[in-house]
């Protein structure tokens, strides 16, 4: 795993004081980030927008074999920020953060449920499965029908990929 470091970059646009990062902007930013990371020999692990203290943050987690450095985060932040300024018409203010995924790595790609089979994870669902919406246990990988299997205290649960709101590894060291 790489250094858990963040590079923050404030991007201010003239106009409204609130963010205007739409679903279309996020999809295009994801495409730009995927292409940039691939060209730099990096993996875009996860991308999300969050609002903290009234400010919109576009957060990226990147990784590579052997882990990412602060320089990798800085490089991606600068290049992606410039690409977004040129390619996207975002009105409003947002902050761009780029960091390593850390010990609690987000899982957002279906193939990662197989890649991290045997690892401890937490999955939160949109709607309850077997009466619960939070599962903490060992990933058993994907099952037919776009399902993810997880062992929680000796009981196997199947969770539909489309029902997964959030999934993260928990305290796994050496994953990349």
N, C-alpha and C. Protein backbone atom coordinates (compact mmCIF):
# COMPACT_ATOMS: atom_id res chain seq x y z
N UNK A 1 0.82 -1.17 0.00
CA UNK A 1 0.00 0.00 0.00
C UNK A 1 0.87 1.24 0.00
N UNK A 2 0.42 2.29 -0.61
CA UNK A 2 1.19 3.51 -0.72
C UNK A 2 0.97 4.44 0.45
N UNK A 3 1.62 5.56 0.38
CA UNK A 3 1.49 6.57 1.40
C UNK A 3 0.08 7.14 1.38
N UNK A 4 -0.52 7.27 2.51
CA UNK A 4 -1.85 7.86 2.59
C UNK A 4 -1.70 9.37 2.61
N UNK A 5 -1.64 9.95 1.41
CA UNK A 5 -1.42 11.38 1.32
C UNK A 5 -2.47 12.01 0.43
N UNK A 6 -2.71 13.26 0.68
CA UNK A 6 -3.71 13.97 -0.10
C UNK A 6 -3.10 15.21 -0.72
N UNK A 7 -3.57 15.51 -1.89
CA UNK A 7 -3.24 16.76 -2.54
C UNK A 7 -4.55 17.47 -2.78
N UNK A 8 -4.70 18.64 -2.23
CA UNK A 8 -5.92 19.39 -2.41
C UNK A 8 -5.66 20.51 -3.40
N UNK A 9 -6.66 20.76 -4.22
CA UNK A 9 -6.55 21.82 -5.18
C UNK A 9 -7.88 22.53 -5.25
N UNK A 10 -7.88 23.80 -4.97
CA UNK A 10 -9.12 24.56 -5.06
C UNK A 10 -9.31 25.03 -6.49
N UNK A 11 -10.48 24.76 -7.00
CA UNK A 11 -10.86 25.20 -8.34
C UNK A 11 -12.04 26.13 -8.17
N UNK A 12 -11.87 27.38 -8.53
CA UNK A 12 -12.96 28.33 -8.40
C UNK A 12 -13.37 28.80 -9.78
N UNK A 13 -14.62 28.82 -10.01
CA UNK A 13 -15.18 29.32 -11.25
C UNK A 13 -16.01 30.54 -10.93
N UNK A 14 -16.09 31.46 -11.84
CA UNK A 14 -16.93 32.64 -11.65
C UNK A 14 -18.38 32.20 -11.66
N UNK A 15 -19.21 32.94 -10.97
CA UNK A 15 -20.64 32.62 -10.98
C UNK A 15 -21.13 32.26 -9.60
N UNK A 16 -21.97 31.24 -9.55
CA UNK A 16 -22.60 30.83 -8.30
C UNK A 16 -21.59 30.45 -7.23
N UNK A 17 -22.01 30.59 -5.98
CA UNK A 17 -21.12 30.23 -4.88
C UNK A 17 -21.26 28.76 -4.49
N UNK A 18 -22.25 28.05 -5.05
CA UNK A 18 -22.41 26.63 -4.74
C UNK A 18 -21.96 25.78 -5.92
N UNK A 19 -21.72 24.53 -5.66
CA UNK A 19 -21.21 23.64 -6.68
C UNK A 19 -22.26 23.29 -7.71
N UNK A 20 -21.80 23.03 -8.89
CA UNK A 20 -22.70 22.62 -9.96
C UNK A 20 -22.11 21.39 -10.66
N UNK A 21 -21.50 20.48 -9.89
CA UNK A 21 -20.99 19.25 -10.49
C UNK A 21 -22.18 18.32 -10.66
N UNK A 22 -22.59 18.14 -11.89
CA UNK A 22 -23.75 17.31 -12.21
C UNK A 22 -23.31 15.88 -12.49
N UNK A 23 -24.26 15.01 -12.67
CA UNK A 23 -23.95 13.63 -13.05
C UNK A 23 -23.18 13.56 -14.35
N UNK A 24 -23.52 14.45 -15.29
CA UNK A 24 -22.80 14.51 -16.57
C UNK A 24 -21.36 14.94 -16.34
N UNK A 25 -21.15 15.95 -15.48
CA UNK A 25 -19.78 16.39 -15.17
C UNK A 25 -18.99 15.25 -14.53
N UNK A 26 -19.62 14.54 -13.60
CA UNK A 26 -18.94 13.45 -12.90
C UNK A 26 -18.55 12.34 -13.86
N UNK A 27 -19.46 11.99 -14.77
CA UNK A 27 -19.16 10.93 -15.75
C UNK A 27 -18.00 11.34 -16.65
N UNK A 28 -17.99 12.59 -17.10
CA UNK A 28 -16.91 13.07 -17.96
C UNK A 28 -15.60 13.17 -17.17
N UNK A 29 -15.67 13.63 -15.92
CA UNK A 29 -14.47 13.71 -15.09
C UNK A 29 -13.90 12.31 -14.86
N UNK A 30 -14.78 11.31 -14.68
CA UNK A 30 -14.33 9.93 -14.50
C UNK A 30 -13.60 9.43 -15.76
N UNK A 31 -14.15 9.76 -16.94
CA UNK A 31 -13.50 9.36 -18.19
C UNK A 31 -12.12 10.01 -18.31
N UNK A 32 -12.05 11.30 -18.01
CA UNK A 32 -10.77 12.01 -18.07
C UNK A 32 -9.77 11.41 -17.08
N UNK A 33 -10.23 11.13 -15.86
CA UNK A 33 -9.35 10.57 -14.82
C UNK A 33 -8.88 9.17 -15.18
N UNK A 34 -9.79 8.35 -15.73
CA UNK A 34 -9.41 6.99 -16.15
C UNK A 34 -8.30 7.05 -17.21
N UNK A 35 -8.51 7.90 -18.22
CA UNK A 35 -7.51 8.03 -19.30
C UNK A 35 -6.18 8.55 -18.76
N UNK A 36 -6.24 9.56 -17.89
CA UNK A 36 -5.02 10.13 -17.32
C UNK A 36 -4.28 9.09 -16.48
N UNK A 37 -5.01 8.40 -15.61
CA UNK A 37 -4.37 7.39 -14.75
C UNK A 37 -3.75 6.27 -15.57
N UNK A 38 -4.46 5.81 -16.58
CA UNK A 38 -3.92 4.74 -17.43
C UNK A 38 -2.63 5.20 -18.10
N UNK A 39 -2.60 6.44 -18.58
CA UNK A 39 -1.40 6.97 -19.22
C UNK A 39 -0.23 7.14 -18.26
N UNK A 40 -0.53 7.30 -16.99
CA UNK A 40 0.52 7.48 -15.97
C UNK A 40 0.89 6.16 -15.28
N UNK A 41 0.29 5.04 -15.72
CA UNK A 41 0.59 3.75 -15.10
C UNK A 41 -0.07 3.58 -13.73
N UNK A 42 -1.20 4.25 -13.53
CA UNK A 42 -1.92 4.22 -12.26
C UNK A 42 -3.29 3.60 -12.46
N UNK A 43 -3.92 3.23 -11.36
CA UNK A 43 -5.29 2.73 -11.37
C UNK A 43 -6.19 3.75 -10.68
N UNK A 44 -7.28 4.13 -11.32
CA UNK A 44 -8.29 4.94 -10.66
C UNK A 44 -9.15 3.96 -9.87
N UNK A 45 -8.99 3.96 -8.55
CA UNK A 45 -9.68 3.02 -7.68
C UNK A 45 -11.13 3.43 -7.49
N UNK A 46 -11.34 4.71 -7.22
CA UNK A 46 -12.69 5.19 -6.89
C UNK A 46 -12.73 6.69 -7.09
N UNK A 47 -13.91 7.18 -7.45
CA UNK A 47 -14.13 8.62 -7.59
C UNK A 47 -15.49 8.94 -7.02
N UNK A 48 -15.58 10.02 -6.23
CA UNK A 48 -16.85 10.37 -5.62
C UNK A 48 -16.92 11.87 -5.41
N UNK A 49 -18.14 12.36 -5.26
CA UNK A 49 -18.33 13.73 -4.82
C UNK A 49 -18.96 13.68 -3.44
N UNK A 50 -18.48 14.53 -2.57
CA UNK A 50 -19.03 14.64 -1.23
C UNK A 50 -19.16 16.12 -0.90
N UNK A 51 -20.05 16.42 0.02
CA UNK A 51 -20.20 17.79 0.50
C UNK A 51 -19.82 17.80 1.96
N UNK A 52 -18.86 18.65 2.29
CA UNK A 52 -18.41 18.81 3.67
C UNK A 52 -18.41 20.30 3.99
N UNK A 53 -19.12 20.66 5.04
CA UNK A 53 -19.20 22.05 5.48
C UNK A 53 -19.65 22.97 4.34
N UNK A 54 -20.59 22.49 3.54
CA UNK A 54 -21.16 23.29 2.46
C UNK A 54 -20.29 23.38 1.22
N UNK A 55 -19.17 22.69 1.20
CA UNK A 55 -18.27 22.73 0.04
C UNK A 55 -18.28 21.39 -0.67
N UNK A 56 -18.35 21.41 -2.01
CA UNK A 56 -18.32 20.19 -2.79
C UNK A 56 -16.88 19.77 -3.03
N UNK A 57 -16.63 18.49 -2.80
CA UNK A 57 -15.29 17.93 -3.00
C UNK A 57 -15.40 16.81 -4.02
N UNK A 58 -14.56 16.87 -5.04
CA UNK A 58 -14.42 15.77 -6.00
C UNK A 58 -13.20 15.00 -5.55
N UNK A 59 -13.41 13.77 -5.07
CA UNK A 59 -12.36 12.98 -4.43
C UNK A 59 -12.01 11.78 -5.30
N UNK A 60 -10.71 11.61 -5.56
CA UNK A 60 -10.21 10.48 -6.33
C UNK A 60 -9.26 9.68 -5.46
N UNK A 61 -9.33 8.36 -5.60
CA UNK A 61 -8.37 7.46 -4.96
C UNK A 61 -7.63 6.76 -6.09
N UNK A 62 -6.30 6.85 -6.06
CA UNK A 62 -5.48 6.23 -7.09
C UNK A 62 -4.52 5.24 -6.44
N UNK A 63 -4.04 4.28 -7.25
CA UNK A 63 -3.11 3.29 -6.72
C UNK A 63 -2.24 2.78 -7.84
N UNK A 64 -1.17 2.11 -7.48
CA UNK A 64 -0.30 1.40 -8.41
C UNK A 64 0.46 0.35 -7.63
N UNK A 65 1.02 -0.59 -8.33
CA UNK A 65 1.83 -1.62 -7.69
C UNK A 65 2.94 -0.94 -6.89
N UNK A 66 3.05 -1.29 -5.63
CA UNK A 66 4.06 -0.68 -4.76
C UNK A 66 3.57 0.58 -4.06
N UNK A 67 2.37 1.03 -4.41
CA UNK A 67 1.78 2.19 -3.75
C UNK A 67 2.06 3.50 -4.47
N UNK A 68 1.26 4.50 -4.16
CA UNK A 68 1.41 5.81 -4.78
C UNK A 68 2.17 6.75 -3.84
N UNK A 69 2.80 7.74 -4.43
CA UNK A 69 3.55 8.73 -3.66
C UNK A 69 2.80 10.06 -3.68
N UNK A 70 3.25 10.97 -2.86
CA UNK A 70 2.69 12.32 -2.88
C UNK A 70 2.87 12.93 -4.27
N UNK A 71 3.99 12.64 -4.90
CA UNK A 71 4.25 13.14 -6.25
C UNK A 71 3.22 12.63 -7.25
N UNK A 72 2.83 11.35 -7.13
CA UNK A 72 1.80 10.81 -8.02
C UNK A 72 0.49 11.56 -7.82
N UNK A 73 0.12 11.79 -6.56
CA UNK A 73 -1.13 12.49 -6.25
C UNK A 73 -1.10 13.92 -6.78
N UNK A 74 0.02 14.60 -6.57
CA UNK A 74 0.18 15.97 -7.03
C UNK A 74 0.09 16.05 -8.55
N UNK A 75 0.76 15.13 -9.22
CA UNK A 75 0.77 15.10 -10.68
C UNK A 75 -0.63 14.90 -11.24
N UNK A 76 -1.36 13.93 -10.70
CA UNK A 76 -2.72 13.66 -11.17
C UNK A 76 -3.63 14.85 -10.87
N UNK A 77 -3.49 15.43 -9.69
CA UNK A 77 -4.32 16.57 -9.32
C UNK A 77 -4.12 17.74 -10.29
N UNK A 78 -2.88 18.07 -10.57
CA UNK A 78 -2.58 19.20 -11.48
C UNK A 78 -3.10 18.92 -12.89
N UNK A 79 -2.77 17.73 -13.41
CA UNK A 79 -3.19 17.43 -14.78
C UNK A 79 -4.70 17.32 -14.92
N UNK A 80 -5.34 16.62 -13.97
CA UNK A 80 -6.79 16.46 -14.05
C UNK A 80 -7.49 17.80 -13.86
N UNK A 81 -7.00 18.61 -12.94
CA UNK A 81 -7.58 19.94 -12.75
C UNK A 81 -7.55 20.76 -14.03
N UNK A 82 -6.40 20.73 -14.71
CA UNK A 82 -6.28 21.46 -15.98
C UNK A 82 -7.21 20.88 -17.04
N UNK A 83 -7.27 19.55 -17.14
CA UNK A 83 -8.16 18.91 -18.12
C UNK A 83 -9.63 19.26 -17.86
N UNK A 84 -10.01 19.25 -16.59
CA UNK A 84 -11.39 19.58 -16.25
C UNK A 84 -11.70 21.04 -16.54
N UNK A 85 -10.74 21.94 -16.28
CA UNK A 85 -10.95 23.36 -16.57
C UNK A 85 -11.20 23.58 -18.05
N UNK A 86 -10.50 22.84 -18.90
CA UNK A 86 -10.63 22.99 -20.35
C UNK A 86 -11.85 22.26 -20.89
N UNK A 87 -12.14 21.07 -20.37
CA UNK A 87 -13.16 20.19 -20.96
C UNK A 87 -14.56 20.32 -20.37
N UNK A 88 -14.66 20.74 -19.14
CA UNK A 88 -15.97 20.75 -18.47
C UNK A 88 -16.41 22.17 -18.14
N UNK A 89 -17.67 22.42 -18.32
CA UNK A 89 -18.23 23.74 -17.99
C UNK A 89 -18.87 23.65 -16.61
N UNK A 90 -18.03 23.61 -15.59
CA UNK A 90 -18.53 23.52 -14.21
C UNK A 90 -18.69 24.93 -13.68
N UNK A 91 -19.89 25.25 -13.27
CA UNK A 91 -20.17 26.56 -12.69
C UNK A 91 -20.29 26.38 -11.19
N UNK A 92 -19.53 27.13 -10.48
CA UNK A 92 -19.53 27.00 -9.04
C UNK A 92 -18.15 26.61 -8.56
N UNK A 93 -18.05 26.40 -7.27
CA UNK A 93 -16.77 26.13 -6.64
C UNK A 93 -16.72 24.67 -6.19
N UNK A 94 -15.56 24.06 -6.37
CA UNK A 94 -15.35 22.71 -5.86
C UNK A 94 -13.88 22.55 -5.52
N UNK A 95 -13.59 21.52 -4.75
CA UNK A 95 -12.21 21.20 -4.39
C UNK A 95 -11.90 19.82 -4.94
N UNK A 96 -10.73 19.68 -5.51
CA UNK A 96 -10.27 18.41 -6.07
C UNK A 96 -9.26 17.80 -5.10
N UNK A 97 -9.52 16.56 -4.66
CA UNK A 97 -8.59 15.85 -3.78
C UNK A 97 -8.18 14.54 -4.45
N UNK A 98 -6.91 14.25 -4.40
CA UNK A 98 -6.38 13.00 -4.95
C UNK A 98 -5.54 12.35 -3.86
N UNK A 99 -5.83 11.07 -3.56
CA UNK A 99 -5.07 10.39 -2.51
C UNK A 99 -4.96 8.91 -2.81
N UNK A 100 -4.16 8.23 -2.01
CA UNK A 100 -4.09 6.77 -2.08
C UNK A 100 -5.35 6.22 -1.42
N UNK A 101 -5.72 4.98 -1.72
CA UNK A 101 -6.93 4.43 -1.12
C UNK A 101 -6.79 4.12 0.37
N UNK A 102 -5.58 3.98 0.87
CA UNK A 102 -5.38 3.70 2.29
C UNK A 102 -5.79 2.29 2.68
N UNK A 103 -5.82 2.03 3.98
CA UNK A 103 -6.15 0.70 4.48
C UNK A 103 -7.60 0.32 4.22
N UNK A 104 -8.48 1.30 4.25
CA UNK A 104 -9.91 1.05 4.04
C UNK A 104 -10.28 1.37 2.59
N UNK A 105 -9.64 0.67 1.68
CA UNK A 105 -9.78 0.88 0.25
C UNK A 105 -11.23 0.72 -0.21
N UNK A 106 -11.76 1.72 -0.94
CA UNK A 106 -13.10 1.56 -1.51
C UNK A 106 -13.10 0.48 -2.59
N UNK A 107 -14.20 -0.23 -2.69
CA UNK A 107 -14.38 -1.22 -3.76
C UNK A 107 -15.53 -0.72 -4.62
N UNK A 108 -15.25 -0.35 -5.87
CA UNK A 108 -16.31 0.18 -6.71
C UNK A 108 -16.41 -0.53 -8.05
N UNK A 109 -15.48 -1.43 -8.32
CA UNK A 109 -15.51 -2.17 -9.58
C UNK A 109 -15.92 -3.62 -9.30
N UNK A 110 -16.84 -4.16 -10.08
CA UNK A 110 -17.28 -5.55 -9.83
C UNK A 110 -16.12 -6.55 -9.75
N UNK A 111 -15.12 -6.41 -10.60
CA UNK A 111 -13.99 -7.36 -10.60
C UNK A 111 -13.21 -7.32 -9.30
N UNK A 112 -13.26 -6.20 -8.56
CA UNK A 112 -12.53 -6.09 -7.31
C UNK A 112 -13.09 -7.01 -6.23
N UNK A 113 -14.35 -7.42 -6.34
CA UNK A 113 -14.91 -8.35 -5.35
C UNK A 113 -14.25 -9.72 -5.49
N UNK A 114 -13.80 -10.08 -6.69
CA UNK A 114 -13.01 -11.30 -6.88
C UNK A 114 -11.54 -11.04 -6.55
N UNK A 115 -11.03 -9.90 -6.96
CA UNK A 115 -9.63 -9.55 -6.74
C UNK A 115 -9.27 -9.58 -5.25
N UNK A 116 -10.20 -9.15 -4.40
CA UNK A 116 -9.94 -9.08 -2.97
C UNK A 116 -10.65 -10.19 -2.19
N UNK A 117 -10.95 -11.28 -2.89
CA UNK A 117 -11.56 -12.45 -2.25
C UNK A 117 -10.68 -12.88 -1.07
N UNK A 118 -11.31 -13.14 0.07
CA UNK A 118 -10.58 -13.54 1.27
C UNK A 118 -10.25 -12.37 2.18
N UNK A 119 -10.49 -11.15 1.73
CA UNK A 119 -10.21 -9.96 2.54
C UNK A 119 -11.42 -9.56 3.37
N UNK A 120 -11.15 -8.90 4.48
CA UNK A 120 -12.21 -8.35 5.32
C UNK A 120 -12.76 -7.09 4.65
N UNK A 121 -14.10 -6.95 4.69
CA UNK A 121 -14.74 -5.80 4.06
C UNK A 121 -16.01 -5.43 4.79
N UNK A 122 -16.48 -4.23 4.52
CA UNK A 122 -17.77 -3.76 4.99
C UNK A 122 -18.57 -3.35 3.76
N UNK A 123 -19.79 -3.87 3.65
CA UNK A 123 -20.68 -3.52 2.55
C UNK A 123 -21.95 -2.92 3.16
N UNK A 124 -22.35 -1.77 2.62
CA UNK A 124 -23.60 -1.13 3.00
C UNK A 124 -24.52 -1.18 1.79
N UNK A 125 -25.79 -1.55 2.01
CA UNK A 125 -26.73 -1.70 0.91
C UNK A 125 -27.75 -0.57 0.87
N UNK A 126 -28.33 -0.36 -0.31
CA UNK A 126 -29.40 0.62 -0.46
C UNK A 126 -30.65 0.16 0.28
N UNK A 127 -31.00 -1.10 0.09
CA UNK A 127 -32.18 -1.66 0.77
C UNK A 127 -31.75 -2.92 1.52
N UNK A 128 -32.43 -3.25 2.61
CA UNK A 128 -32.02 -4.38 3.45
C UNK A 128 -32.00 -5.73 2.71
N UNK A 129 -31.04 -6.55 3.10
CA UNK A 129 -30.92 -7.93 2.63
C UNK A 129 -30.98 -8.79 3.87
N UNK A 130 -31.91 -9.70 3.92
CA UNK A 130 -32.07 -10.57 5.08
C UNK A 130 -32.18 -9.74 6.37
N UNK A 131 -32.87 -8.59 6.26
CA UNK A 131 -33.14 -7.77 7.43
C UNK A 131 -32.03 -6.83 7.86
N UNK A 132 -30.97 -6.73 7.08
CA UNK A 132 -29.88 -5.84 7.46
C UNK A 132 -29.34 -5.08 6.26
N UNK A 133 -28.72 -3.93 6.54
CA UNK A 133 -28.16 -3.09 5.48
C UNK A 133 -26.65 -2.93 5.59
N UNK A 134 -26.04 -3.49 6.62
CA UNK A 134 -24.58 -3.40 6.81
C UNK A 134 -24.03 -4.78 7.08
N UNK A 135 -23.01 -5.13 6.32
CA UNK A 135 -22.39 -6.45 6.43
C UNK A 135 -20.89 -6.27 6.61
N UNK A 136 -20.32 -6.90 7.63
CA UNK A 136 -18.87 -6.89 7.84
C UNK A 136 -18.43 -8.33 7.93
N UNK A 137 -17.53 -8.70 7.00
CA UNK A 137 -17.07 -10.07 6.98
C UNK A 137 -16.02 -10.28 5.90
N UNK A 138 -15.88 -11.53 5.48
CA UNK A 138 -14.88 -11.91 4.50
C UNK A 138 -15.51 -12.00 3.11
N UNK A 139 -14.90 -11.32 2.15
CA UNK A 139 -15.38 -11.40 0.77
C UNK A 139 -15.14 -12.80 0.22
N UNK A 140 -16.16 -13.36 -0.42
CA UNK A 140 -16.05 -14.68 -1.04
C UNK A 140 -16.06 -14.57 -2.56
N UNK A 141 -16.13 -13.35 -3.09
CA UNK A 141 -16.11 -13.13 -4.54
C UNK A 141 -17.50 -12.98 -5.11
N UNK A 142 -17.54 -12.95 -6.44
CA UNK A 142 -18.81 -12.81 -7.14
C UNK A 142 -19.46 -14.16 -7.35
N UNK A 143 -20.78 -14.12 -7.44
CA UNK A 143 -21.58 -15.31 -7.73
C UNK A 143 -22.39 -15.03 -9.00
N UNK A 144 -22.91 -16.07 -9.64
CA UNK A 144 -23.73 -15.85 -10.84
C UNK A 144 -24.90 -14.90 -10.55
N UNK A 145 -25.31 -14.18 -11.58
CA UNK A 145 -26.43 -13.27 -11.43
C UNK A 145 -26.06 -11.92 -10.86
N UNK A 146 -24.82 -11.50 -11.05
CA UNK A 146 -24.33 -10.21 -10.56
C UNK A 146 -24.54 -10.05 -9.05
N UNK A 147 -24.12 -11.08 -8.34
CA UNK A 147 -24.21 -11.10 -6.88
C UNK A 147 -22.80 -11.14 -6.29
N UNK A 148 -22.67 -10.63 -5.08
CA UNK A 148 -21.42 -10.70 -4.32
C UNK A 148 -21.69 -11.57 -3.10
N UNK A 149 -20.77 -12.49 -2.83
CA UNK A 149 -20.91 -13.36 -1.65
C UNK A 149 -19.97 -12.88 -0.56
N UNK A 150 -20.49 -12.96 0.67
CA UNK A 150 -19.71 -12.52 1.83
C UNK A 150 -20.03 -13.43 3.00
N UNK A 151 -19.00 -13.84 3.72
CA UNK A 151 -19.17 -14.63 4.93
C UNK A 151 -19.17 -13.69 6.13
N UNK A 152 -20.28 -13.69 6.86
CA UNK A 152 -20.40 -12.89 8.07
C UNK A 152 -20.66 -13.85 9.22
N UNK A 153 -19.66 -14.02 10.08
CA UNK A 153 -19.78 -14.89 11.25
C UNK A 153 -20.27 -16.30 10.89
N UNK A 154 -19.72 -16.87 9.81
CA UNK A 154 -20.05 -18.23 9.43
C UNK A 154 -21.29 -18.38 8.56
N UNK A 155 -21.98 -17.29 8.26
CA UNK A 155 -23.15 -17.33 7.40
C UNK A 155 -22.83 -16.63 6.09
N UNK A 156 -23.13 -17.30 4.97
CA UNK A 156 -22.89 -16.72 3.66
C UNK A 156 -24.10 -15.89 3.23
N UNK A 157 -23.83 -14.65 2.83
CA UNK A 157 -24.86 -13.74 2.34
C UNK A 157 -24.56 -13.42 0.89
N UNK A 158 -25.61 -13.34 0.07
CA UNK A 158 -25.47 -12.92 -1.32
C UNK A 158 -26.12 -11.54 -1.45
N UNK A 159 -25.38 -10.61 -2.03
CA UNK A 159 -25.83 -9.23 -2.16
C UNK A 159 -25.74 -8.84 -3.63
N UNK A 160 -26.83 -8.33 -4.18
CA UNK A 160 -26.84 -7.89 -5.58
C UNK A 160 -25.92 -6.68 -5.75
N UNK A 161 -25.09 -6.71 -6.80
CA UNK A 161 -24.20 -5.59 -7.07
C UNK A 161 -24.95 -4.26 -7.13
N UNK A 162 -26.13 -4.27 -7.75
CA UNK A 162 -26.89 -3.02 -7.89
C UNK A 162 -27.42 -2.50 -6.56
N UNK A 163 -27.46 -3.35 -5.54
CA UNK A 163 -27.95 -2.96 -4.22
C UNK A 163 -26.82 -2.43 -3.32
N UNK A 164 -25.58 -2.53 -3.78
CA UNK A 164 -24.45 -2.08 -2.96
C UNK A 164 -24.30 -0.57 -3.05
N UNK A 165 -24.49 0.06 -1.91
CA UNK A 165 -24.36 1.51 -1.81
C UNK A 165 -22.89 1.90 -1.65
N UNK A 166 -22.19 1.15 -0.79
CA UNK A 166 -20.79 1.42 -0.51
C UNK A 166 -20.12 0.13 -0.07
N UNK A 167 -18.89 -0.08 -0.54
CA UNK A 167 -18.10 -1.25 -0.12
C UNK A 167 -16.66 -0.79 0.10
N UNK A 168 -16.07 -1.28 1.19
CA UNK A 168 -14.70 -0.91 1.53
C UNK A 168 -13.99 -2.11 2.14
N UNK A 169 -12.70 -2.24 1.83
CA UNK A 169 -11.88 -3.21 2.56
C UNK A 169 -11.64 -2.61 3.94
N UNK A 170 -11.38 -3.46 4.91
CA UNK A 170 -11.16 -3.00 6.28
C UNK A 170 -9.80 -3.45 6.76
N UNK A 171 -8.89 -2.49 6.97
CA UNK A 171 -7.59 -2.76 7.56
C UNK A 171 -6.73 -3.77 6.82
N UNK A 172 -6.82 -3.82 5.51
CA UNK A 172 -6.02 -4.75 4.72
C UNK A 172 -4.70 -4.10 4.35
N UNK A 173 -3.61 -4.75 4.69
CA UNK A 173 -2.28 -4.20 4.42
C UNK A 173 -1.66 -4.96 3.25
N UNK A 174 -1.00 -4.20 2.36
CA UNK A 174 -0.30 -4.83 1.25
C UNK A 174 -1.16 -5.07 0.03
N UNK A 175 -2.39 -4.57 -0.01
CA UNK A 175 -3.24 -4.73 -1.18
C UNK A 175 -2.93 -3.59 -2.13
N UNK A 176 -2.91 -3.89 -3.41
CA UNK A 176 -2.78 -2.82 -4.42
C UNK A 176 -3.42 -3.24 -5.69
